Amino acid sequence: MVWIIILIIAFVAAIYVAVGVINRFAGTSLSATGLIAGAFAALGAHIYNQIVVIQNIIAVFVNFFANVFNDPVAAVKALFYDLAHTVIGYITNMAKAIESVINKIPGVKVNITSG
């Protein structure tokens, strides 16, 4: 645990030194604190999103097992509905990403995800 903390402190110090060197020679005014805070915020958002995805998958299966003994047919239908909803969500996100990349081409305007 101590080694991890020492490595994080060394990494932060290296970023401060690198940004200081870049600012000195390039004549810029980058903020090392902003870069570090942004990196940790992005890392935190990524970890949080992964936890939420895992939590949603667990909730789908817990819902299935809670309902399977009351009404098995409805529980299986709900399970497949929830899984299909998740897959369609992933496909929608991929389509939005593709649309975003295509729209970066000058003069091109594609709208495939509005409806």
C-alpha atoms as a PDB file:
ATOM      1  CA  MET A   1       0.000   0.000   0.000  1.00  0.00           C
ATOM      2  CA  VAL A   2       2.861   2.361   0.840  1.00  0.00           C
ATOM      3  CA  TRP A   3       4.537   1.638  -2.486  1.00  0.00           C
ATOM      4  CA  ILE A   4       1.374   2.511  -4.373  1.00  0.00           C
ATOM      5  CA  ILE A   5       1.107   5.844  -2.560  1.00  0.00           C
ATOM      6  CA  ILE A   6       4.800   6.556  -3.231  1.00  0.00           C
ATOM      7  CA  LEU A   7       4.312   5.753  -6.939  1.00  0.00           C
ATOM      8  CA  ILE A   8       1.295   8.069  -7.159  1.00  0.00           C
ATOM      9  CA  ILE A   9       3.247  10.884  -5.486  1.00  0.00           C
ATOM     10  CA  ALA A  10       6.209  10.295  -7.826  1.00  0.00           C
ATOM     11  CA  PHE A  11       3.876  10.308 -10.836  1.00  0.00           C
ATOM     12  CA  VAL A  12       2.289  13.591  -9.741  1.00  0.00           C
ATOM     13  CA  ALA A  13       5.728  15.120  -9.164  1.00  0.00           C
ATOM     14  CA  ALA A  14       6.863  13.963 -12.610  1.00  0.00           C
ATOM     15  CA  ILE A  15       3.816  15.620 -14.175  1.00  0.00           C
ATOM     16  CA  TYR A  16       4.586  18.894 -12.360  1.00  0.00           C
ATOM     17  CA  VAL A  17       8.187  18.761 -13.590  1.00  0.00           C
ATOM     18  CA  ALA A  18       7.155  17.922 -17.163  1.00  0.00           C
ATOM     19  CA  VAL A  19       4.573  20.699 -17.278  1.00  0.00           C
ATOM     20  CA  GLY A  20       7.087  23.133 -15.815  1.00  0.00           C
ATOM     21  CA  VAL A  21       9.629  22.234 -18.512  1.00  0.00           C
ATOM     22  CA  ILE A  22       7.012  22.528 -21.260  1.00  0.00           C
ATOM     23  CA  ASN A  23       5.840  25.891 -19.941  1.00  0.00           C
ATOM     24  CA  ARG A  24       9.405  27.140 -19.709  1.00  0.00           C
ATOM     25  CA  PHE A  25      10.516  26.203 -23.210  1.00  0.00           C
ATOM     26  CA  ALA A  26       7.244  26.572 -25.143  1.00  0.00           C
ATOM     27  CA  GLY A  27       6.168  29.797 -23.436  1.00  0.00           C
ATOM     28  CA  THR A  28       2.792  28.342 -22.486  1.00  0.00           C
ATOM     29  CA  SER A  29       0.889  28.444 -19.224  1.00  0.00           C
ATOM     30  CA  LEU A  30      -0.453  24.945 -18.775  1.00  0.00           C
ATOM     31  CA  SER A  31      -1.767  24.034 -15.339  1.00  0.00           C
ATOM     32  CA  ALA A  32      -0.270  20.865 -13.902  1.00  0.00           C
ATOM     33  CA  THR A  33      -2.932  20.807 -11.194  1.00  0.00           C
ATOM     34  CA  GLY A  34      -5.650  20.967 -13.846  1.00  0.00           C
ATOM     35  CA  LEU A  35      -4.072  18.133 -15.805  1.00  0.00           C
ATOM     36  CA  ILE A  36      -3.781  15.964 -12.696  1.00  0.00           C
ATOM     37  CA  ALA A  37      -7.314  16.762 -11.508  1.00  0.00           C
ATOM     38  CA  GLY A  38      -8.696  16.025 -14.978  1.00  0.00           C
ATOM     39  CA  ALA A  39      -6.855  12.712 -15.139  1.00  0.00           C
ATOM     40  CA  PHE A  40      -8.142  11.620 -11.736  1.00  0.00           C
ATOM     41  CA  ALA A  41     -11.686  12.787 -12.609  1.00  0.00           C
ATOM     42  CA  ALA A  42     -11.609  10.771 -15.840  1.00  0.00           C
ATOM     43  CA  LEU A  43     -10.289   7.736 -13.959  1.00  0.00           C
ATOM     44  CA  GLY A  44     -13.015   8.108 -11.326  1.00  0.00           C
ATOM     45  CA  ALA A  45     -15.726   8.407 -13.989  1.00  0.00           C
ATOM     46  CA  HIS A  46     -14.440   5.301 -15.762  1.00  0.00           C
ATOM     47  CA  ILE A  47     -14.387   3.266 -12.547  1.00  0.00           C
ATOM     48  CA  TYR A  48     -17.875   4.503 -11.588  1.00  0.00           C
ATOM     49  CA  ASN A  49     -19.277   3.589 -15.022  1.00  0.00           C
ATOM     50  CA  GLN A  50     -17.833   0.078 -14.803  1.00  0.00           C
ATOM     51  CA  ILE A  51     -19.358  -0.400 -11.345  1.00  0.00           C
ATOM     52  CA  VAL A  52     -22.768   0.760 -12.604  1.00  0.00           C
ATOM     53  CA  VAL A  53     -22.629  -1.632 -15.578  1.00  0.00           C
ATOM     54  CA  ILE A  54     -21.829  -4.555 -13.295  1.00  0.00           C
ATOM     55  CA  GLN A  55     -24.561  -3.473 -10.876  1.00  0.00           C
ATOM     56  CA  ASN A  56     -27.133  -3.365 -13.693  1.00  0.00           C
ATOM     57  CA  ILE A  57     -26.202  -6.843 -14.908  1.00  0.00           C
ATOM     58  CA  ILE A  58     -26.498  -8.206 -11.361  1.00  0.00           C
ATOM     59  CA  ALA A  59     -29.859  -6.462 -10.925  1.00  0.00           C
ATOM     60  CA  VAL A  60     -31.225  -8.115 -14.081  1.00  0.00           C
ATOM     61  CA  PHE A  61     -30.344 -11.594 -12.846  1.00  0.00           C
ATOM     62  CA  VAL A  62     -31.513 -10.922  -9.280  1.00  0.00           C
ATOM     63  CA  ASN A  63     -34.831  -9.716 -10.689  1.00  0.00           C
ATOM     64  CA  PHE A  64     -35.060 -12.923 -12.721  1.00  0.00           C
ATOM     65  CA  PHE A  65     -34.378 -15.191  -9.755  1.00  0.00           C
ATOM     66  CA  ALA A  66     -36.784 -13.255  -7.526  1.00  0.00           C
ATOM     67  CA  ASN A  67     -39.621 -13.687 -10.036  1.00  0.00           C
ATOM     68  CA  VAL A  68     -38.896 -17.122 -11.492  1.00  0.00           C
ATOM     69  CA  PHE A  69     -40.685 -19.005  -8.703  1.00  0.00           C
ATOM     70  CA  ASN A  70     -43.831 -16.829  -8.869  1.00  0.00           C
ATOM     71  CA  ASP A  71     -44.329 -16.797 -12.646  1.00  0.00           C
ATOM     72  CA  PRO A  72     -41.592 -18.583 -14.610  1.00  0.00           C
ATOM     73  CA  VAL A  73     -42.812 -17.606 -18.078  1.00  0.00           C
ATOM     74  CA  ALA A  74     -43.071 -13.904 -17.193  1.00  0.00           C
ATOM     75  CA  ALA A  75     -39.657 -14.058 -15.487  1.00  0.00           C
ATOM     76  CA  VAL A  76     -38.004 -15.475 -18.619  1.00  0.00           C
ATOM     77  CA  LYS A  77     -39.754 -12.857 -20.769  1.00  0.00           C
ATOM     78  CA  ALA A  78     -38.567 -10.084 -18.443  1.00  0.00           C
ATOM     79  CA  LEU A  79     -35.021 -11.489 -18.459  1.00  0.00           C
ATOM     80  CA  PHE A  80     -34.841 -11.515 -22.247  1.00  0.00           C
ATOM     81  CA  TYR A  81     -36.422  -8.052 -22.385  1.00  0.00           C
ATOM     82  CA  ASP A  82     -33.838  -6.656 -19.971  1.00  0.00           C
ATOM     83  CA  LEU A  83     -30.960  -8.299 -21.841  1.00  0.00           C
ATOM     84  CA  ALA A  84     -32.282  -7.056 -25.204  1.00  0.00           C
ATOM     85  CA  HIS A  85     -32.676  -3.570 -23.750  1.00  0.00           C
ATOM     86  CA  THR A  86     -29.037  -3.641 -22.639  1.00  0.00           C
ATOM     87  CA  VAL A  87     -27.813  -4.809 -26.055  1.00  0.00           C
ATOM     88  CA  ILE A  88     -29.875  -2.155 -27.851  1.00  0.00           C
ATOM     89  CA  GLY A  89     -28.377   0.453 -25.524  1.00  0.00           C
ATOM     90  CA  TYR A  90     -24.866  -0.665 -26.489  1.00  0.00           C
ATOM     91  CA  ILE A  91     -25.752  -0.580 -30.193  1.00  0.00           C
ATOM     92  CA  THR A  92     -27.221   2.909 -29.800  1.00  0.00           C
ATOM     93  CA  ASN A  93     -24.035   4.123 -28.112  1.00  0.00           C
ATOM     94  CA  MET A  94     -21.930   2.660 -30.926  1.00  0.00           C
ATOM     95  CA  ALA A  95     -24.163   4.324 -33.544  1.00  0.00           C
ATOM     96  CA  LYS A  96     -23.824   7.673 -31.746  1.00  0.00           C
ATOM     97  CA  ALA A  97     -20.043   7.286 -31.708  1.00  0.00           C
ATOM     98  CA  ILE A  98     -19.987   6.463 -35.421  1.00  0.00           C
ATOM     99  CA  GLU A  99     -22.235   9.443 -36.127  1.00  0.00           C
ATOM    100  CA  SER A 100     -19.935  11.698 -34.107  1.00  0.00           C
ATOM    101  CA  VAL A 101     -16.867  10.526 -36.042  1.00  0.00           C
ATOM    102  CA  ILE A 102     -18.578  10.953 -39.423  1.00  0.00           C
ATOM    103  CA  ASN A 103     -19.850  14.427 -38.514  1.00  0.00           C
ATOM    104  CA  LYS A 104     -16.269  15.567 -37.877  1.00  0.00           C
ATOM    105  CA  ILE A 105     -15.657  15.399 -41.620  1.00  0.00           C
ATOM    106  CA  PRO A 106     -16.049  18.947 -42.991  1.00  0.00           C
ATOM    107  CA  GLY A 107     -19.237  19.383 -45.016  1.00  0.00           C
ATOM    108  CA  VAL A 108     -20.800  16.137 -43.828  1.00  0.00           C
ATOM    109  CA  LYS A 109     -23.855  16.067 -41.555  1.00  0.00           C
ATOM    110  CA  VAL A 110     -25.234  12.628 -40.683  1.00  0.00           C
ATOM    111  CA  ASN A 111     -28.116  12.089 -38.288  1.00  0.00           C
ATOM    112  CA  ILE A 112     -28.707   8.384 -37.695  1.00  0.00           C
ATOM    113  CA  THR A 113     -29.599   8.410 -33.988  1.00  0.00           C
ATOM    114  CA  SER A 114     -32.235  11.116 -33.686  1.00  0.00           C
ATOM    115  CA  GLY A 115     -35.225   8.798 -34.065  1.00  0.00           C
END
